[in-house]
Amino acid sequence: MYGQFLEKYSLQLQEIKDALENNKRDFWDMSIDPASLQLASHEHTTILELINTDNKVLNKVLIVFSTLCAEVKFLVSEAKTKYFDMILFYGEGSEENIEDEVTQLSRFLPHLQELCCFVKRCEEVAAQMIHQLNALYSTSKESTQVMNARDVHF
């Protein structure tokens, strides 16, 4: 009886699978489906919760580098969403009038100031990354001298 039950159940599952495959669409049609859902999972855990080893020094090193990598990832996404289009489309659609160019430039100055602060933040994060790599790969334990990353030009 159990074998017959499994055969019937697998036949029903196959019929459902065939019915779903017939109605499967690879595109989104606005007239049929007026709303679309995008499901993306986001974890709500912190870096401190993810890094947990028995070695306290290794924990600290991993936390520092993972935080710096997360900051770099955030800066890259901010640059793509905020600044790339702003710089790319500056001056598009303007006419040859000098007064319009001056007005357009004066409107663009606050964005340039914000971009300047963003670039300084990127330099600070890169300098911190260099400091941490230098501290990690320092060969002598007695040398406590910190590398000055101010002389490094990006």
N, C-alpha and C. Protein backbone atom coordinates (compact mmCIF):
# COMPACT_ATOMS: atom_id res chain seq x y z
N MET A 1 0.83 -1.20 0.00
CA MET A 1 0.00 0.00 0.00
C MET A 1 0.86 1.26 0.00
N TYR A 2 1.99 1.18 0.72
CA TYR A 2 2.86 2.34 0.80
C TYR A 2 3.47 2.64 -0.57
N GLY A 3 3.82 1.59 -1.32
CA GLY A 3 4.37 1.77 -2.66
C GLY A 3 3.36 2.41 -3.59
N GLN A 4 2.07 2.01 -3.49
CA GLN A 4 1.04 2.62 -4.32
C GLN A 4 0.84 4.09 -3.95
N PHE A 5 0.91 4.37 -2.67
CA PHE A 5 0.77 5.76 -2.21
C PHE A 5 1.90 6.63 -2.78
N LEU A 6 3.13 6.11 -2.74
CA LEU A 6 4.27 6.87 -3.27
C LEU A 6 4.15 7.08 -4.77
N GLU A 7 3.66 6.07 -5.49
CA GLU A 7 3.49 6.23 -6.94
C GLU A 7 2.44 7.29 -7.26
N LYS A 8 1.31 7.28 -6.55
CA LYS A 8 0.27 8.30 -6.76
C LYS A 8 0.79 9.69 -6.42
N TYR A 9 1.52 9.77 -5.30
CA TYR A 9 2.04 11.06 -4.85
C TYR A 9 3.07 11.61 -5.84
N SER A 10 3.95 10.77 -6.34
CA SER A 10 4.95 11.23 -7.31
C SER A 10 4.29 11.62 -8.63
N LEU A 11 3.21 10.92 -9.00
CA LEU A 11 2.46 11.28 -10.21
C LEU A 11 1.80 12.65 -10.04
N GLN A 12 1.23 12.92 -8.86
CA GLN A 12 0.62 14.23 -8.59
C GLN A 12 1.67 15.34 -8.61
N LEU A 13 2.81 15.06 -8.03
CA LEU A 13 3.88 16.06 -8.04
C LEU A 13 4.37 16.35 -9.45
N GLN A 14 4.46 15.32 -10.26
CA GLN A 14 4.89 15.50 -11.65
C GLN A 14 3.87 16.33 -12.42
N GLU A 15 2.56 16.10 -12.19
CA GLU A 15 1.51 16.89 -12.86
C GLU A 15 1.60 18.36 -12.45
N ILE A 16 1.85 18.61 -11.16
CA ILE A 16 1.99 19.99 -10.69
C ILE A 16 3.21 20.65 -11.32
N LYS A 17 4.30 19.91 -11.40
CA LYS A 17 5.52 20.44 -12.00
C LYS A 17 5.31 20.77 -13.47
N ASP A 18 4.64 19.87 -14.20
CA ASP A 18 4.35 20.12 -15.62
C ASP A 18 3.44 21.32 -15.80
N ALA A 19 2.44 21.48 -14.94
CA ALA A 19 1.53 22.62 -15.03
C ALA A 19 2.27 23.93 -14.77
N LEU A 20 3.18 23.92 -13.82
CA LEU A 20 3.92 25.15 -13.52
C LEU A 20 4.91 25.49 -14.62
N GLU A 21 5.51 24.49 -15.24
CA GLU A 21 6.45 24.76 -16.31
C GLU A 21 5.76 25.33 -17.54
N ASN A 22 4.52 24.95 -17.78
CA ASN A 22 3.79 25.48 -18.93
C ASN A 22 3.46 26.96 -18.76
N ASN A 23 3.28 27.40 -17.53
CA ASN A 23 2.92 28.80 -17.27
C ASN A 23 4.13 29.66 -16.93
N LYS A 24 5.29 29.12 -17.03
CA LYS A 24 6.50 29.85 -16.66
C LYS A 24 6.83 30.90 -17.71
N ARG A 25 7.11 32.14 -17.20
CA ARG A 25 7.51 33.24 -18.10
C ARG A 25 8.87 33.73 -17.66
N ASP A 26 9.69 34.10 -18.63
CA ASP A 26 11.02 34.61 -18.32
C ASP A 26 11.06 36.14 -18.32
N PHE A 27 9.94 36.78 -18.50
CA PHE A 27 9.91 38.23 -18.54
C PHE A 27 8.78 38.75 -17.66
N TRP A 28 8.85 40.02 -17.37
CA TRP A 28 7.84 40.66 -16.54
C TRP A 28 6.99 41.55 -17.43
N ASP A 29 5.69 41.29 -17.45
CA ASP A 29 4.76 42.07 -18.27
C ASP A 29 3.96 42.97 -17.35
N MET A 30 4.07 44.28 -17.56
CA MET A 30 3.41 45.24 -16.67
C MET A 30 1.89 45.16 -16.77
N SER A 31 1.36 44.81 -17.93
CA SER A 31 -0.10 44.75 -18.07
C SER A 31 -0.69 43.56 -17.31
N ILE A 32 0.06 42.47 -17.21
CA ILE A 32 -0.43 41.29 -16.50
C ILE A 32 -0.10 41.38 -15.01
N ASP A 33 1.14 41.76 -14.69
CA ASP A 33 1.60 41.87 -13.30
C ASP A 33 1.96 43.33 -13.02
N PRO A 34 1.05 44.10 -12.43
CA PRO A 34 1.34 45.52 -12.21
C PRO A 34 2.38 45.77 -11.12
N ALA A 35 2.66 44.79 -10.31
CA ALA A 35 3.66 44.96 -9.24
C ALA A 35 4.69 43.86 -9.34
N SER A 36 5.92 44.21 -9.02
CA SER A 36 7.01 43.24 -9.05
C SER A 36 7.70 43.27 -7.70
N LEU A 37 8.07 42.11 -7.21
CA LEU A 37 8.76 42.01 -5.94
C LEU A 37 10.21 41.62 -6.17
N GLN A 38 11.09 42.29 -5.46
CA GLN A 38 12.49 41.91 -5.48
C GLN A 38 12.85 41.48 -4.08
N LEU A 39 13.15 40.22 -3.94
CA LEU A 39 13.47 39.67 -2.63
C LEU A 39 14.97 39.55 -2.49
N ALA A 40 15.51 40.25 -1.51
CA ALA A 40 16.94 40.16 -1.21
C ALA A 40 17.09 40.01 0.29
N SER A 41 17.89 39.06 0.67
CA SER A 41 18.08 38.84 2.10
C SER A 41 19.21 39.72 2.61
N HIS A 42 19.01 40.25 3.78
CA HIS A 42 20.02 41.08 4.43
C HIS A 42 20.24 40.55 5.84
N GLU A 43 21.48 40.34 6.19
CA GLU A 43 21.78 39.86 7.53
C GLU A 43 21.87 41.05 8.47
N HIS A 44 21.41 40.85 9.67
CA HIS A 44 21.47 41.89 10.68
C HIS A 44 22.48 41.53 11.76
N THR A 45 23.59 40.94 11.35
CA THR A 45 24.63 40.61 12.30
C THR A 45 25.78 41.58 12.12
N THR A 46 26.50 41.81 13.17
CA THR A 46 27.64 42.71 13.10
C THR A 46 28.90 41.92 12.85
N ILE A 47 29.96 42.65 12.53
CA ILE A 47 31.25 42.00 12.29
C ILE A 47 31.76 41.34 13.56
N LEU A 48 31.49 41.98 14.70
CA LEU A 48 31.94 41.41 15.97
C LEU A 48 31.29 40.06 16.25
N GLU A 49 30.04 39.88 15.82
CA GLU A 49 29.37 38.59 16.02
C GLU A 49 29.88 37.53 15.07
N LEU A 50 30.33 37.93 13.89
CA LEU A 50 30.80 36.96 12.90
C LEU A 50 32.20 36.45 13.19
N ILE A 51 33.03 37.31 13.79
CA ILE A 51 34.42 36.92 14.05
C ILE A 51 34.53 36.47 15.49
N ASN A 52 34.81 35.20 15.64
CA ASN A 52 34.92 34.64 16.98
C ASN A 52 35.90 33.48 16.95
N THR A 53 37.15 33.75 17.34
CA THR A 53 38.14 32.69 17.44
C THR A 53 38.70 32.68 18.86
N ASP A 54 39.49 31.68 19.15
CA ASP A 54 40.10 31.59 20.47
C ASP A 54 41.26 32.56 20.63
N ASN A 55 41.87 32.95 19.53
CA ASN A 55 43.02 33.84 19.55
C ASN A 55 42.54 35.30 19.56
N LYS A 56 42.78 36.01 20.66
CA LYS A 56 42.29 37.39 20.81
C LYS A 56 42.97 38.34 19.82
N VAL A 57 44.26 38.13 19.58
CA VAL A 57 44.99 39.00 18.66
C VAL A 57 44.46 38.81 17.24
N LEU A 58 44.23 37.58 16.85
CA LEU A 58 43.68 37.30 15.53
C LEU A 58 42.28 37.91 15.39
N ASN A 59 41.48 37.84 16.44
CA ASN A 59 40.16 38.48 16.43
C ASN A 59 40.28 39.96 16.11
N LYS A 60 41.19 40.64 16.78
CA LYS A 60 41.36 42.08 16.57
C LYS A 60 41.82 42.40 15.15
N VAL A 61 42.77 41.61 14.66
CA VAL A 61 43.27 41.83 13.30
C VAL A 61 42.16 41.62 12.28
N LEU A 62 41.40 40.55 12.43
CA LEU A 62 40.30 40.27 11.50
C LEU A 62 39.21 41.34 11.57
N ILE A 63 38.93 41.82 12.77
CA ILE A 63 37.91 42.87 12.91
C ILE A 63 38.36 44.15 12.21
N VAL A 64 39.63 44.51 12.37
CA VAL A 64 40.13 45.74 11.74
C VAL A 64 40.07 45.62 10.23
N PHE A 65 40.56 44.52 9.68
CA PHE A 65 40.56 44.38 8.22
C PHE A 65 39.16 44.22 7.64
N SER A 66 38.29 43.51 8.33
CA SER A 66 36.93 43.37 7.82
C SER A 66 36.19 44.70 7.88
N THR A 67 36.46 45.50 8.91
CA THR A 67 35.84 46.82 8.98
C THR A 67 36.36 47.73 7.87
N LEU A 68 37.65 47.68 7.62
CA LEU A 68 38.20 48.49 6.53
C LEU A 68 37.67 48.04 5.17
N CYS A 69 37.54 46.73 4.98
CA CYS A 69 36.97 46.23 3.71
C CYS A 69 35.51 46.64 3.55
N ALA A 70 34.75 46.61 4.64
CA ALA A 70 33.37 47.06 4.58
C ALA A 70 33.28 48.55 4.27
N GLU A 71 34.21 49.32 4.82
CA GLU A 71 34.23 50.76 4.54
C GLU A 71 34.58 51.02 3.07
N VAL A 72 35.54 50.27 2.54
CA VAL A 72 35.90 50.41 1.12
C VAL A 72 34.71 50.05 0.24
N LYS A 73 34.01 48.98 0.58
CA LYS A 73 32.83 48.58 -0.19
C LYS A 73 31.75 49.67 -0.14
N PHE A 74 31.56 50.27 1.04
CA PHE A 74 30.59 51.35 1.17
C PHE A 74 31.01 52.56 0.34
N LEU A 75 32.30 52.90 0.35
CA LEU A 75 32.78 54.05 -0.43
C LEU A 75 32.61 53.82 -1.93
N VAL A 76 32.85 52.60 -2.36
CA VAL A 76 32.68 52.28 -3.79
C VAL A 76 31.21 52.42 -4.19
N SER A 77 30.31 51.90 -3.38
CA SER A 77 28.89 52.01 -3.72
C SER A 77 28.42 53.46 -3.66
N GLU A 78 28.94 54.23 -2.71
CA GLU A 78 28.58 55.65 -2.64
C GLU A 78 29.08 56.40 -3.86
N ALA A 79 30.30 56.08 -4.30
CA ALA A 79 30.84 56.74 -5.49
C ALA A 79 30.01 56.41 -6.73
N LYS A 80 29.60 55.16 -6.85
CA LYS A 80 28.81 54.77 -8.02
C LYS A 80 27.44 55.42 -8.02
N THR A 81 26.79 55.48 -6.86
CA THR A 81 25.42 55.99 -6.83
C THR A 81 25.36 57.50 -6.78
N LYS A 82 26.34 58.14 -6.17
CA LYS A 82 26.24 59.58 -5.92
C LYS A 82 27.06 60.43 -6.87
N TYR A 83 28.26 60.01 -7.19
CA TYR A 83 29.19 60.90 -7.86
C TYR A 83 29.44 60.59 -9.33
N PHE A 84 29.35 59.35 -9.75
CA PHE A 84 29.66 59.03 -11.14
C PHE A 84 28.72 59.75 -12.11
N ASP A 85 27.42 59.66 -11.86
CA ASP A 85 26.47 60.32 -12.77
C ASP A 85 26.60 61.83 -12.72
N MET A 86 26.85 62.37 -11.53
CA MET A 86 26.99 63.81 -11.37
C MET A 86 28.15 64.33 -12.22
N ILE A 87 29.27 63.64 -12.19
CA ILE A 87 30.43 64.06 -12.96
C ILE A 87 30.24 63.77 -14.44
N LEU A 88 29.64 62.64 -14.72
CA LEU A 88 29.46 62.22 -16.11
C LEU A 88 28.55 63.16 -16.89
N PHE A 89 27.47 63.62 -16.25
CA PHE A 89 26.49 64.43 -16.96
C PHE A 89 26.65 65.93 -16.73
N TYR A 90 27.75 66.36 -16.12
CA TYR A 90 27.96 67.78 -15.93
C TYR A 90 28.13 68.46 -17.29
N GLY A 91 27.39 69.49 -17.52
CA GLY A 91 27.50 70.26 -18.75
C GLY A 91 26.69 69.72 -19.91
N GLU A 92 26.00 68.62 -19.73
CA GLU A 92 25.19 68.06 -20.80
C GLU A 92 23.93 68.90 -20.99
N GLY A 93 23.56 69.12 -22.20
CA GLY A 93 22.33 69.83 -22.52
C GLY A 93 22.42 71.34 -22.37
N SER A 94 23.60 71.87 -22.09
CA SER A 94 23.73 73.32 -21.95
C SER A 94 23.98 73.94 -23.31
N GLU A 95 23.62 75.17 -23.39
CA GLU A 95 23.82 75.90 -24.64
C GLU A 95 25.11 76.70 -24.55
N GLU A 96 25.43 77.41 -25.57
CA GLU A 96 26.70 78.12 -25.66
C GLU A 96 26.67 79.47 -24.96
N ASN A 97 25.71 79.74 -24.13
CA ASN A 97 25.59 81.01 -23.45
C ASN A 97 26.55 81.04 -22.25
N ILE A 98 27.37 82.09 -22.16
CA ILE A 98 28.37 82.21 -21.09
C ILE A 98 27.69 82.34 -19.73
N GLU A 99 26.60 83.08 -19.65
CA GLU A 99 25.92 83.28 -18.37
C GLU A 99 25.35 81.96 -17.85
N ASP A 100 24.86 81.12 -18.74
CA ASP A 100 24.35 79.82 -18.31
C ASP A 100 25.47 78.92 -17.78
N GLU A 101 26.64 79.02 -18.40
CA GLU A 101 27.77 78.22 -17.94
C GLU A 101 28.22 78.65 -16.55
N VAL A 102 28.23 79.96 -16.29
CA VAL A 102 28.61 80.45 -14.97
C VAL A 102 27.59 80.02 -13.93
N THR A 103 26.31 80.12 -14.28
CA THR A 103 25.25 79.68 -13.36
C THR A 103 25.36 78.19 -13.09
N GLN A 104 25.61 77.43 -14.12
CA GLN A 104 25.73 75.99 -13.97
C GLN A 104 26.93 75.63 -13.10
N LEU A 105 28.04 76.33 -13.30
CA LEU A 105 29.22 76.08 -12.49
C LEU A 105 28.98 76.46 -11.04
N SER A 106 28.28 77.57 -10.80
CA SER A 106 28.00 77.97 -9.42
C SER A 106 27.07 76.98 -8.73
N ARG A 107 26.19 76.34 -9.46
CA ARG A 107 25.33 75.30 -8.88
C ARG A 107 26.10 74.01 -8.63
N PHE A 108 27.17 73.81 -9.37
CA PHE A 108 27.96 72.58 -9.25
C PHE A 108 29.00 72.66 -8.13
N LEU A 109 29.34 73.86 -7.68
CA LEU A 109 30.37 74.03 -6.66
C LEU A 109 30.08 73.30 -5.34
N PRO A 110 28.85 73.33 -4.80
CA PRO A 110 28.60 72.55 -3.58
C PRO A 110 28.83 71.04 -3.78
N HIS A 111 28.52 70.56 -4.96
CA HIS A 111 28.75 69.14 -5.25
C HIS A 111 30.25 68.85 -5.33
N LEU A 112 31.02 69.81 -5.87
CA LEU A 112 32.46 69.63 -5.91
C LEU A 112 33.06 69.63 -4.50
N GLN A 113 32.52 70.48 -3.63
CA GLN A 113 32.99 70.49 -2.25
C GLN A 113 32.71 69.15 -1.57
N GLU A 114 31.53 68.61 -1.80
CA GLU A 114 31.17 67.31 -1.24
C GLU A 114 32.05 66.21 -1.81
N LEU A 115 32.35 66.31 -3.10
CA LEU A 115 33.24 65.34 -3.75
C LEU A 115 34.65 65.43 -3.18
N CYS A 116 35.10 66.64 -2.88
CA CYS A 116 36.42 66.83 -2.28
C CYS A 116 36.49 66.16 -0.91
N CYS A 117 35.46 66.30 -0.11
CA CYS A 117 35.41 65.64 1.21
C CYS A 117 35.38 64.12 1.05
N PHE A 118 34.67 63.64 0.03
CA PHE A 118 34.61 62.21 -0.23
C PHE A 118 35.99 61.66 -0.61
N VAL A 119 36.71 62.39 -1.45
CA VAL A 119 38.04 61.96 -1.86
C VAL A 119 38.98 61.95 -0.65
N LYS A 120 38.88 62.93 0.22
CA LYS A 120 39.71 62.95 1.44
C LYS A 120 39.39 61.74 2.31
N ARG A 121 38.12 61.40 2.41
CA ARG A 121 37.74 60.21 3.20
C ARG A 121 38.32 58.94 2.58
N CYS A 122 38.31 58.86 1.26
CA CYS A 122 38.90 57.70 0.58
C CYS A 122 40.40 57.62 0.85
N GLU A 123 41.07 58.77 0.85
CA GLU A 123 42.50 58.79 1.15
C GLU A 123 42.76 58.35 2.58
N GLU A 124 41.92 58.76 3.53
CA GLU A 124 42.09 58.36 4.92
C GLU A 124 41.91 56.85 5.08
N VAL A 125 40.93 56.29 4.41
CA VAL A 125 40.70 54.84 4.51
C VAL A 125 41.87 54.08 3.87
N ALA A 126 42.36 54.58 2.74
CA ALA A 126 43.51 53.93 2.10
C ALA A 126 44.75 54.03 2.99
N ALA A 127 44.95 55.16 3.64
CA ALA A 127 46.09 55.31 4.54
C ALA A 127 45.96 54.37 5.74
N GLN A 128 44.75 54.21 6.27
CA GLN A 128 44.54 53.27 7.37
C GLN A 128 44.83 51.84 6.93
N MET A 129 44.44 51.51 5.71
CA MET A 129 44.71 50.18 5.18
C MET A 129 46.22 49.94 5.08
N ILE A 130 46.95 50.96 4.63
CA ILE A 130 48.41 50.83 4.53
C ILE A 130 49.03 50.69 5.92
N HIS A 131 48.55 51.48 6.88
CA HIS A 131 49.05 51.37 8.25
C HIS A 131 48.83 49.98 8.81
N GLN A 132 47.65 49.44 8.61
CA GLN A 132 47.33 48.12 9.17
C GLN A 132 48.13 47.02 8.48
N LEU A 133 48.31 47.13 7.15
CA LEU A 133 49.13 46.14 6.45
C LEU A 133 50.58 46.21 6.90
N ASN A 134 51.07 47.42 7.13
CA ASN A 134 52.43 47.59 7.61
C ASN A 134 52.58 46.98 9.01
N ALA A 135 51.61 47.19 9.87
CA ALA A 135 51.67 46.63 11.22
C ALA A 135 51.57 45.11 11.19
N LEU A 136 50.80 44.58 10.25
CA LEU A 136 50.63 43.13 10.17
C LEU A 136 51.88 42.44 9.65
N TYR A 137 52.52 43.04 8.65
CA TYR A 137 53.67 42.41 8.01
C TYR A 137 54.99 42.95 8.51
N SER A 138 55.00 43.61 9.65
CA SER A 138 56.25 44.09 10.23
C SER A 138 57.09 42.89 10.63
N THR A 139 58.35 42.87 10.20
CA THR A 139 59.19 41.69 10.43
C THR A 139 59.83 41.68 11.80
N SER A 140 60.20 42.82 12.32
CA SER A 140 60.86 42.83 13.63
C SER A 140 59.88 43.24 14.71
N LYS A 141 59.90 42.52 15.81
CA LYS A 141 58.99 42.80 16.91
C LYS A 141 59.42 44.05 17.67
N GLU A 142 60.72 44.39 17.61
CA GLU A 142 61.20 45.53 18.37
C GLU A 142 60.90 46.86 17.70
N SER A 143 60.67 46.84 16.41
CA SER A 143 60.40 48.12 15.73
C SER A 143 58.94 48.49 15.94
N THR A 144 58.75 49.54 16.68
CA THR A 144 57.39 50.02 16.95
C THR A 144 57.10 51.27 16.14
N GLN A 145 57.99 51.58 15.21
CA GLN A 145 57.80 52.77 14.40
C GLN A 145 56.62 52.56 13.44
N VAL A 146 55.75 53.54 13.40
CA VAL A 146 54.59 53.48 12.54
C VAL A 146 54.94 54.13 11.21
N MET A 147 54.59 53.47 10.13
CA MET A 147 54.85 54.01 8.80
C MET A 147 53.98 55.24 8.56
N ASN A 148 54.58 56.26 8.01
CA ASN A 148 53.83 57.47 7.71
C ASN A 148 53.28 57.35 6.31
N ALA A 149 51.97 57.22 6.20
CA ALA A 149 51.32 57.05 4.89
C ALA A 149 50.98 58.39 4.27
N ARG A 150 51.34 59.49 4.89
CA ARG A 150 51.05 60.82 4.31
C ARG A 150 51.87 61.07 3.07
N ASP A 151 53.04 60.41 2.96
CA ASP A 151 53.88 60.61 1.79
C ASP A 151 53.43 59.76 0.60
N VAL A 152 52.49 58.88 0.79
CA VAL A 152 51.97 58.04 -0.28
C VAL A 152 50.92 58.82 -1.04
N HIS A 153 51.11 58.96 -2.33
CA HIS A 153 50.17 59.73 -3.15
C HIS A 153 49.31 58.76 -3.98
N PHE A 154 48.01 59.01 -4.01
CA PHE A 154 47.09 58.15 -4.71
C PHE A 154 46.66 58.80 -6.00
